[in-house]
Structures are given as C-alpha cells and as structure tokens.
C-alpha cells in the first residue's frame, strides 16, 4: 500500500496553527521547546484546558510535574491578557516566556521567567510551586496523553483528523 503525499507532510513547529500566533510567539515557543526537550521534558502546544482556555505550552517533566508556559510576544500582548492567573489551577508551576526585548520589570514576580528566541531559551527565574490536587493532576495527565496520541494519529492519517 502506497503512502499518500499528505501523510509525508512536514511536522508543524508549533502544533495546531490558527492564525493567532505571531512569528515572534512561534520563535519563542520553538526556543522554549528546544530547551525543555534538552532537559528531558515533553511539551505540547495550544492545549485546551477544562476551563475552556488554551495554554500556549504545557510541559511534563520526568517526575510528572505539569508546567504551563505562557508566551508573551510583546508588551501589548502581555497587557491585553488578563487570563493567565487562572492557568495556575492546571499546573504545578507557571512560567512566562519572552524575548530579550521585553521589559522584564513588567513580568509578574510570582511566576517563572524564561528568555527565548528561535534557537534556545534560558530559565531566568524559577516559579513558585503549587502542587496540583491528585484529581486535577490525573485529569491533566489524561488530557495530555490523549492530545499527544491524537496529534500523532493526525500525522499518520490526516483524513481522520479530529479537533482539539
């Protein structure tokens, strides 16, 4: 059986693209994902949460800790977004990822901070930890696993694609 051309399409760098991601945000995501992968973490982009919000990046470390990384591509992007405190309900730790052009003094002190570009990233400040309740952790881990499996399936069989 021959493979269809669309099954051989290149992998998207950021996950599902819906036009909301600026080129700056895509570059930040790429660098953050590279750094986290080098540390042995796995990441998923654009993860829908039970609240209906979507996290830019959700990372899972080797101890099953769940981290959400909120990407801010500009000062205007940061100031327009007031939803990020609600992400704490879905992770053990919350980070902001920005470029070196972002004025760091405007970033909340009660979250981690990552500086990134398309080639890599560096954690500048570790976030405070707030462990998830066991039921929420289980729900997030199941969501993570199902989303990862669905995206792999979509790559193998694009005609059977489901929405997130």
N, C-alpha and C. Protein backbone atom coordinates (compact mmCIF):
# COMPACT_ATOMS: atom_id res chain seq x y z
N UNK A 1 0.84 -1.18 0.00
CA UNK A 1 0.00 0.00 0.00
C UNK A 1 0.89 1.24 0.00
N UNK A 2 0.65 2.16 -0.90
CA UNK A 2 1.46 3.38 -1.00
C UNK A 2 0.98 4.42 0.01
N UNK A 3 1.94 5.18 0.53
CA UNK A 3 1.60 6.27 1.43
C UNK A 3 1.13 7.47 0.62
N UNK A 4 0.15 8.16 1.13
CA UNK A 4 -0.32 9.37 0.47
C UNK A 4 0.66 10.52 0.75
N UNK A 5 0.73 11.46 -0.18
CA UNK A 5 1.64 12.59 -0.03
C UNK A 5 1.39 13.36 1.26
N UNK A 6 0.10 13.56 1.63
CA UNK A 6 -0.18 14.35 2.82
C UNK A 6 0.30 13.67 4.10
N UNK A 7 0.46 12.35 4.08
CA UNK A 7 0.98 11.65 5.26
C UNK A 7 2.46 11.93 5.45
N UNK A 8 3.12 12.44 4.40
CA UNK A 8 4.54 12.73 4.46
C UNK A 8 4.82 14.21 4.68
N UNK A 9 3.79 15.00 4.93
CA UNK A 9 3.96 16.43 5.13
C UNK A 9 4.84 16.70 6.35
N UNK A 10 5.63 17.78 6.32
CA UNK A 10 6.49 18.08 7.46
C UNK A 10 5.68 18.39 8.71
N UNK A 11 6.29 18.12 9.86
CA UNK A 11 5.63 18.39 11.13
C UNK A 11 5.57 19.89 11.37
N UNK A 12 4.46 20.40 11.89
CA UNK A 12 4.40 21.81 12.24
C UNK A 12 5.30 22.06 13.44
N UNK A 13 5.92 23.23 13.47
CA UNK A 13 6.85 23.54 14.55
C UNK A 13 6.13 23.85 15.85
N UNK A 14 4.93 24.33 15.80
CA UNK A 14 4.26 24.81 17.00
C UNK A 14 3.02 24.02 17.36
N UNK A 15 2.58 23.13 16.52
CA UNK A 15 1.33 22.43 16.77
C UNK A 15 0.24 23.07 15.94
N UNK A 16 -0.99 22.94 16.34
CA UNK A 16 -2.09 23.49 15.55
C UNK A 16 -1.96 25.00 15.43
N UNK A 17 -1.95 25.50 14.22
CA UNK A 17 -1.87 26.93 13.99
C UNK A 17 -3.24 27.44 13.61
N UNK A 18 -3.66 28.52 14.25
CA UNK A 18 -4.97 29.07 13.94
C UNK A 18 -4.90 30.54 13.57
N UNK A 19 -3.70 31.02 13.29
CA UNK A 19 -3.54 32.41 12.89
C UNK A 19 -3.37 33.38 14.04
N UNK A 20 -3.53 32.91 15.28
CA UNK A 20 -3.38 33.80 16.43
C UNK A 20 -1.92 33.94 16.86
N UNK A 21 -1.06 33.05 16.40
CA UNK A 21 0.33 33.06 16.84
C UNK A 21 1.15 33.96 15.91
N UNK A 22 1.81 34.95 16.50
CA UNK A 22 2.69 35.81 15.72
C UNK A 22 3.98 35.06 15.42
N UNK A 23 4.74 35.57 14.47
CA UNK A 23 6.03 34.93 14.19
C UNK A 23 6.95 35.02 15.41
N UNK A 24 6.82 36.08 16.17
CA UNK A 24 7.61 36.22 17.40
C UNK A 24 7.21 35.15 18.42
N UNK A 25 5.92 34.91 18.59
CA UNK A 25 5.45 33.87 19.52
C UNK A 25 5.90 32.49 19.07
N UNK A 26 5.86 32.23 17.77
CA UNK A 26 6.32 30.94 17.26
C UNK A 26 7.80 30.73 17.52
N UNK A 27 8.59 31.78 17.39
CA UNK A 27 10.03 31.69 17.66
C UNK A 27 10.29 31.42 19.13
N UNK A 28 9.56 32.11 20.01
CA UNK A 28 9.71 31.89 21.45
C UNK A 28 9.37 30.44 21.79
N UNK A 29 8.25 29.96 21.27
CA UNK A 29 7.83 28.58 21.53
C UNK A 29 8.88 27.58 21.08
N UNK A 30 9.43 27.80 19.92
CA UNK A 30 10.45 26.89 19.39
C UNK A 30 11.66 26.82 20.32
N UNK A 31 12.14 27.98 20.74
CA UNK A 31 13.29 28.01 21.63
C UNK A 31 13.02 27.38 22.98
N UNK A 32 11.85 27.65 23.54
CA UNK A 32 11.48 27.06 24.83
C UNK A 32 11.38 25.55 24.72
N UNK A 33 10.74 25.08 23.66
CA UNK A 33 10.59 23.64 23.48
C UNK A 33 11.94 22.95 23.30
N UNK A 34 12.85 23.59 22.60
CA UNK A 34 14.20 23.02 22.45
C UNK A 34 14.89 22.90 23.81
N UNK A 35 14.81 23.95 24.61
CA UNK A 35 15.44 23.92 25.92
C UNK A 35 14.83 22.82 26.80
N UNK A 36 13.51 22.75 26.84
CA UNK A 36 12.85 21.77 27.70
C UNK A 36 13.12 20.35 27.22
N UNK A 37 13.15 20.13 25.93
CA UNK A 37 13.46 18.80 25.40
C UNK A 37 14.88 18.38 25.80
N UNK A 38 15.82 19.32 25.76
CA UNK A 38 17.20 19.03 26.17
C UNK A 38 17.27 18.64 27.65
N UNK A 39 16.29 19.10 28.43
CA UNK A 39 16.22 18.75 29.85
C UNK A 39 15.41 17.48 30.10
N UNK A 40 14.93 16.85 29.02
CA UNK A 40 14.17 15.61 29.16
C UNK A 40 12.68 15.80 29.37
N UNK A 41 12.18 16.99 29.17
CA UNK A 41 10.75 17.25 29.31
C UNK A 41 10.06 17.05 27.97
N UNK A 42 8.78 16.75 28.01
CA UNK A 42 7.98 16.72 26.79
C UNK A 42 7.04 17.92 26.81
N UNK A 43 6.68 18.40 25.63
CA UNK A 43 5.81 19.58 25.55
C UNK A 43 4.72 19.39 24.52
N UNK A 44 3.62 20.04 24.77
CA UNK A 44 2.53 20.16 23.80
C UNK A 44 2.15 21.62 23.71
N UNK A 45 1.77 22.04 22.53
CA UNK A 45 1.36 23.42 22.31
C UNK A 45 -0.15 23.52 22.20
N UNK A 46 -0.65 24.72 22.49
CA UNK A 46 -2.07 25.01 22.31
C UNK A 46 -2.96 23.93 22.94
N UNK A 47 -2.85 23.79 24.25
CA UNK A 47 -3.58 22.76 24.98
C UNK A 47 -4.85 23.35 25.59
N UNK A 48 -5.99 22.82 25.18
CA UNK A 48 -7.27 23.25 25.75
C UNK A 48 -7.40 22.73 27.16
N UNK A 49 -7.81 23.62 28.06
CA UNK A 49 -7.99 23.25 29.47
C UNK A 49 -9.48 23.09 29.75
N UNK A 50 -9.81 22.48 30.88
CA UNK A 50 -11.21 22.26 31.24
C UNK A 50 -11.98 23.57 31.38
N UNK A 51 -11.28 24.65 31.66
CA UNK A 51 -11.91 25.96 31.80
C UNK A 51 -12.33 26.57 30.46
N UNK A 52 -11.88 25.95 29.36
CA UNK A 52 -12.15 26.50 28.04
C UNK A 52 -11.00 27.36 27.52
N UNK A 53 -10.06 27.68 28.38
CA UNK A 53 -8.87 28.45 27.97
C UNK A 53 -7.89 27.52 27.26
N UNK A 54 -6.93 28.12 26.56
CA UNK A 54 -5.89 27.33 25.91
C UNK A 54 -4.53 27.80 26.40
N UNK A 55 -3.74 26.87 26.89
CA UNK A 55 -2.39 27.17 27.32
C UNK A 55 -1.47 27.13 26.11
N UNK A 56 -0.54 28.09 26.03
CA UNK A 56 0.40 28.12 24.91
C UNK A 56 1.27 26.87 24.88
N UNK A 57 1.88 26.55 26.00
CA UNK A 57 2.70 25.35 26.13
C UNK A 57 2.39 24.66 27.45
N UNK A 58 2.28 23.35 27.40
CA UNK A 58 2.19 22.55 28.61
C UNK A 58 3.37 21.58 28.55
N UNK A 59 4.14 21.56 29.62
CA UNK A 59 5.33 20.71 29.67
C UNK A 59 5.19 19.71 30.81
N UNK A 60 5.69 18.53 30.56
CA UNK A 60 5.65 17.45 31.54
C UNK A 60 7.09 17.04 31.81
N UNK A 61 7.50 17.11 33.08
CA UNK A 61 8.88 16.73 33.38
C UNK A 61 8.94 15.26 33.80
N UNK A 62 10.12 14.77 34.09
CA UNK A 62 10.31 13.36 34.41
C UNK A 62 9.63 12.90 35.68
N UNK A 63 9.26 13.82 36.55
CA UNK A 63 8.57 13.47 37.80
C UNK A 63 7.06 13.67 37.67
N UNK A 64 6.58 13.85 36.45
CA UNK A 64 5.15 14.07 36.16
C UNK A 64 4.63 15.42 36.66
N UNK A 65 5.53 16.35 36.90
CA UNK A 65 5.08 17.70 37.24
C UNK A 65 4.62 18.38 35.96
N UNK A 66 3.56 19.14 36.07
CA UNK A 66 2.96 19.81 34.92
C UNK A 66 3.28 21.30 35.02
N UNK A 67 3.87 21.82 33.95
CA UNK A 67 4.24 23.22 33.88
C UNK A 67 3.50 23.86 32.71
N UNK A 68 2.98 25.05 32.92
CA UNK A 68 2.39 25.82 31.83
C UNK A 68 3.31 26.99 31.55
N UNK A 69 3.59 27.19 30.26
CA UNK A 69 4.43 28.29 29.83
C UNK A 69 3.57 29.21 28.98
N UNK A 70 3.36 30.41 29.46
CA UNK A 70 2.57 31.42 28.76
C UNK A 70 3.53 32.29 27.95
N UNK A 71 3.34 32.32 26.65
CA UNK A 71 4.23 33.07 25.76
C UNK A 71 3.68 34.48 25.59
N UNK A 72 4.55 35.44 25.79
CA UNK A 72 4.20 36.84 25.59
C UNK A 72 5.16 37.42 24.56
N UNK A 73 4.62 37.80 23.41
CA UNK A 73 5.46 38.23 22.30
C UNK A 73 5.68 39.74 22.26
N UNK A 74 4.96 40.48 23.09
CA UNK A 74 5.13 41.93 23.13
C UNK A 74 4.51 42.48 24.41
N UNK A 75 4.80 43.73 24.68
CA UNK A 75 4.19 44.40 25.83
C UNK A 75 2.69 44.46 25.65
N UNK A 76 2.25 44.78 24.45
CA UNK A 76 0.80 44.85 24.18
C UNK A 76 0.14 43.50 24.42
N UNK A 77 0.78 42.43 24.00
CA UNK A 77 0.26 41.08 24.22
C UNK A 77 0.11 40.81 25.72
N UNK A 78 1.12 41.18 26.49
CA UNK A 78 1.07 40.96 27.94
C UNK A 78 -0.05 41.78 28.58
N UNK A 79 -0.13 43.04 28.22
CA UNK A 79 -1.12 43.93 28.85
C UNK A 79 -2.55 43.57 28.47
N UNK A 80 -2.74 43.01 27.29
CA UNK A 80 -4.09 42.63 26.83
C UNK A 80 -4.58 41.34 27.46
N UNK A 81 -3.68 40.58 28.06
CA UNK A 81 -4.03 39.25 28.58
C UNK A 81 -4.17 39.28 30.09
N UNK A 82 -5.39 39.07 30.56
CA UNK A 82 -5.63 39.01 32.00
C UNK A 82 -6.06 37.62 32.45
N UNK A 83 -5.95 36.64 31.55
CA UNK A 83 -6.43 35.28 31.87
C UNK A 83 -5.37 34.40 32.52
N UNK A 84 -4.12 34.79 32.46
CA UNK A 84 -3.04 33.91 32.89
C UNK A 84 -3.11 33.46 34.36
N UNK A 85 -3.63 34.25 35.31
CA UNK A 85 -3.67 33.72 36.69
C UNK A 85 -4.50 32.43 36.81
N UNK A 86 -5.50 32.27 35.95
CA UNK A 86 -6.35 31.07 36.00
C UNK A 86 -5.59 29.81 35.59
N UNK A 87 -4.46 29.95 34.89
CA UNK A 87 -3.68 28.78 34.49
C UNK A 87 -3.09 28.05 35.68
N UNK A 88 -2.91 28.74 36.79
CA UNK A 88 -2.33 28.10 37.98
C UNK A 88 -3.16 26.92 38.46
N UNK A 89 -4.46 26.93 38.16
CA UNK A 89 -5.33 25.83 38.56
C UNK A 89 -5.05 24.54 37.79
N UNK A 90 -4.21 24.61 36.75
CA UNK A 90 -3.97 23.47 35.88
C UNK A 90 -2.50 23.06 35.79
N UNK A 91 -1.67 23.58 36.70
CA UNK A 91 -0.25 23.24 36.64
C UNK A 91 0.38 23.30 38.03
N UNK A 92 1.54 22.69 38.11
CA UNK A 92 2.34 22.76 39.34
C UNK A 92 3.20 24.02 39.36
N UNK A 93 3.47 24.57 38.19
CA UNK A 93 4.31 25.76 38.08
C UNK A 93 3.94 26.50 36.80
N UNK A 94 3.97 27.83 36.88
CA UNK A 94 3.63 28.69 35.76
C UNK A 94 4.82 29.58 35.41
N UNK A 95 5.13 29.63 34.12
CA UNK A 95 6.21 30.47 33.60
C UNK A 95 5.66 31.43 32.55
N UNK A 96 6.38 32.52 32.37
CA UNK A 96 6.22 33.37 31.19
C UNK A 96 7.47 33.19 30.36
N UNK A 97 7.29 33.14 29.05
CA UNK A 97 8.42 33.08 28.13
C UNK A 97 8.35 34.31 27.24
N UNK A 98 9.47 35.03 27.17
CA UNK A 98 9.54 36.29 26.43
C UNK A 98 10.88 36.38 25.71
N UNK A 99 10.99 37.37 24.82
CA UNK A 99 12.28 37.64 24.18
C UNK A 99 13.06 38.63 25.03
N UNK A 100 14.32 38.80 24.68
CA UNK A 100 15.16 39.74 25.43
C UNK A 100 14.71 41.18 25.22
N UNK A 101 13.87 41.45 24.24
CA UNK A 101 13.38 42.80 24.00
C UNK A 101 12.27 43.21 24.97
N UNK A 102 11.69 42.24 25.66
CA UNK A 102 10.59 42.53 26.58
C UNK A 102 11.15 43.17 27.85
N UNK A 103 10.54 44.24 28.33
CA UNK A 103 11.00 44.81 29.60
C UNK A 103 10.63 43.86 30.75
N UNK A 104 11.62 43.26 31.35
CA UNK A 104 11.39 42.21 32.34
C UNK A 104 10.72 42.72 33.60
N UNK A 105 10.85 43.99 33.91
CA UNK A 105 10.25 44.52 35.13
C UNK A 105 8.72 44.49 35.11
N UNK A 106 8.11 44.35 33.95
CA UNK A 106 6.64 44.28 33.91
C UNK A 106 6.12 42.85 34.13
N UNK A 107 7.01 41.88 34.10
CA UNK A 107 6.58 40.49 34.24
C UNK A 107 6.29 40.17 35.71
N UNK A 108 5.21 39.45 35.98
CA UNK A 108 4.84 39.13 37.36
C UNK A 108 5.96 38.38 38.09
N UNK A 109 6.21 38.78 39.32
CA UNK A 109 7.26 38.17 40.12
C UNK A 109 6.84 36.81 40.68
N UNK A 110 5.54 36.53 40.67
CA UNK A 110 5.06 35.27 41.24
C UNK A 110 4.91 34.17 40.17
N UNK A 111 5.68 34.30 39.09
CA UNK A 111 5.72 33.28 38.04
C UNK A 111 7.17 33.14 37.59
N UNK A 112 7.48 31.99 37.01
CA UNK A 112 8.81 31.80 36.46
C UNK A 112 9.00 32.66 35.23
N UNK A 113 10.26 32.83 34.83
CA UNK A 113 10.56 33.66 33.67
C UNK A 113 11.60 32.96 32.80
N UNK A 114 11.29 32.88 31.51
CA UNK A 114 12.17 32.26 30.52
C UNK A 114 12.45 33.28 29.43
N UNK A 115 13.72 33.47 29.09
CA UNK A 115 14.10 34.27 27.93
C UNK A 115 14.35 33.31 26.78
N UNK A 116 13.79 33.64 25.62
CA UNK A 116 13.88 32.71 24.49
C UNK A 116 13.96 33.43 23.16
N UNK A 117 14.52 32.71 22.20
CA UNK A 117 14.44 33.07 20.79
C UNK A 117 14.24 31.76 20.04
N UNK A 118 14.30 31.77 18.73
CA UNK A 118 14.01 30.57 17.95
C UNK A 118 15.06 29.48 18.12
N UNK A 119 16.20 29.79 18.71
CA UNK A 119 17.29 28.83 18.80
C UNK A 119 17.46 28.20 20.17
N UNK A 120 16.86 28.78 21.17
CA UNK A 120 17.01 28.23 22.50
C UNK A 120 16.38 29.14 23.54
N UNK A 121 16.57 28.78 24.79
CA UNK A 121 15.98 29.55 25.88
C UNK A 121 16.77 29.30 27.15
N UNK A 122 16.52 30.18 28.11
CA UNK A 122 17.16 30.05 29.42
C UNK A 122 16.16 30.45 30.49
N UNK A 123 16.09 29.64 31.54
CA UNK A 123 15.22 29.98 32.67
C UNK A 123 15.95 31.03 33.50
N UNK A 124 15.33 32.19 33.62
CA UNK A 124 15.91 33.29 34.37
C UNK A 124 15.44 33.31 35.82
N UNK A 125 14.23 32.80 36.04
CA UNK A 125 13.66 32.76 37.39
C UNK A 125 12.76 31.54 37.49
N UNK A 126 12.99 30.75 38.51
CA UNK A 126 12.12 29.60 38.76
C UNK A 126 10.81 30.08 39.37
N UNK A 127 9.72 29.41 39.06
CA UNK A 127 8.42 29.82 39.61
C UNK A 127 8.19 29.20 40.98
N UNK A 128 7.29 29.80 41.75
CA UNK A 128 6.86 29.12 42.98
C UNK A 128 6.07 27.87 42.59
N UNK A 129 6.21 26.83 43.38
CA UNK A 129 5.49 25.59 43.11
C UNK A 129 4.17 25.59 43.87
N UNK A 130 3.15 25.08 43.25
CA UNK A 130 1.83 24.93 43.87
C UNK A 130 1.26 23.60 43.36
N UNK A 131 1.60 22.50 44.04
CA UNK A 131 1.22 21.16 43.56
C UNK A 131 -0.28 21.03 43.30
N UNK A 132 -0.58 20.39 42.20
CA UNK A 132 -1.97 20.12 41.83
C UNK A 132 -2.59 19.10 42.77
N UNK A 133 -3.89 19.20 42.95
CA UNK A 133 -4.63 18.17 43.67
C UNK A 133 -4.59 16.90 42.82
N UNK A 134 -4.60 15.72 43.46
CA UNK A 134 -4.50 14.47 42.70
C UNK A 134 -5.54 14.31 41.58
N UNK A 135 -6.76 14.68 41.82
CA UNK A 135 -7.79 14.53 40.77
C UNK A 135 -7.51 15.45 39.58
N UNK A 136 -7.06 16.67 39.85
CA UNK A 136 -6.74 17.59 38.75
C UNK A 136 -5.50 17.11 38.00
N UNK A 137 -4.51 16.59 38.75
CA UNK A 137 -3.31 16.05 38.09
C UNK A 137 -3.69 14.91 37.16
N UNK A 138 -4.52 14.01 37.63
CA UNK A 138 -4.95 12.88 36.80
C UNK A 138 -5.66 13.37 35.54
N UNK A 139 -6.55 14.33 35.70
CA UNK A 139 -7.29 14.86 34.55
C UNK A 139 -6.34 15.52 33.55
N UNK A 140 -5.37 16.26 34.04
CA UNK A 140 -4.41 16.93 33.15
C UNK A 140 -3.52 15.91 32.45
N UNK A 141 -3.07 14.90 33.18
CA UNK A 141 -2.22 13.87 32.55
C UNK A 141 -2.98 13.10 31.48
N UNK A 142 -4.25 12.81 31.74
CA UNK A 142 -5.08 12.13 30.73
C UNK A 142 -5.28 13.04 29.51
N UNK A 143 -5.55 14.31 29.75
CA UNK A 143 -5.73 15.24 28.63
C UNK A 143 -4.46 15.32 27.81
N UNK A 144 -3.32 15.40 28.48
CA UNK A 144 -2.02 15.48 27.82
C UNK A 144 -1.79 14.24 26.95
N UNK A 145 -2.00 13.07 27.53
CA UNK A 145 -1.77 11.82 26.80
C UNK A 145 -2.72 11.68 25.61
N UNK A 146 -3.98 12.00 25.79
CA UNK A 146 -4.94 11.90 24.70
C UNK A 146 -4.63 12.89 23.58
N UNK A 147 -4.25 14.10 23.94
CA UNK A 147 -3.92 15.10 22.93
C UNK A 147 -2.68 14.69 22.15
N UNK A 148 -1.67 14.19 22.84
CA UNK A 148 -0.45 13.74 22.16
C UNK A 148 -0.77 12.58 21.21
N UNK A 149 -1.55 11.62 21.67
CA UNK A 149 -1.91 10.48 20.82
C UNK A 149 -2.74 10.92 19.61
N UNK A 150 -3.68 11.84 19.83
CA UNK A 150 -4.50 12.33 18.72
C UNK A 150 -3.64 13.05 17.68
N UNK A 151 -2.67 13.84 18.13
CA UNK A 151 -1.82 14.55 17.18
C UNK A 151 -0.93 13.59 16.40
N UNK A 152 -0.45 12.55 17.04
CA UNK A 152 0.32 11.54 16.33
C UNK A 152 -0.54 10.83 15.29
N UNK A 153 -1.76 10.51 15.68
CA UNK A 153 -2.69 9.86 14.74
C UNK A 153 -2.96 10.78 13.54
N UNK A 154 -3.16 12.07 13.81
CA UNK A 154 -3.41 13.02 12.73
C UNK A 154 -2.26 13.05 11.73
N UNK A 155 -1.04 12.89 12.21
CA UNK A 155 0.11 12.86 11.30
C UNK A 155 0.10 11.61 10.43
N UNK A 156 -0.30 10.50 11.03
CA UNK A 156 -0.32 9.24 10.30
C UNK A 156 -1.53 9.13 9.36
N UNK A 157 -2.63 9.76 9.73
CA UNK A 157 -3.87 9.64 8.95
C UNK A 157 -4.61 10.97 8.96
N UNK A 158 -4.15 11.94 8.16
CA UNK A 158 -4.74 13.28 8.19
C UNK A 158 -6.23 13.32 7.87
N UNK A 159 -6.74 12.37 7.09
CA UNK A 159 -8.16 12.39 6.75
C UNK A 159 -9.04 12.03 7.95
N UNK A 160 -8.48 11.45 8.96
CA UNK A 160 -9.26 11.08 10.16
C UNK A 160 -9.11 12.11 11.25
N UNK A 161 -8.62 13.29 10.92
CA UNK A 161 -8.31 14.35 11.89
C UNK A 161 -9.52 14.73 12.75
N UNK A 162 -9.25 14.88 14.04
CA UNK A 162 -10.24 15.38 15.00
C UNK A 162 -9.80 16.75 15.43
N UNK A 163 -10.69 17.54 16.00
CA UNK A 163 -10.32 18.84 16.53
C UNK A 163 -9.97 18.68 18.00
N UNK A 164 -9.11 19.62 18.50
CA UNK A 164 -8.70 19.57 19.92
C UNK A 164 -9.85 19.86 20.80
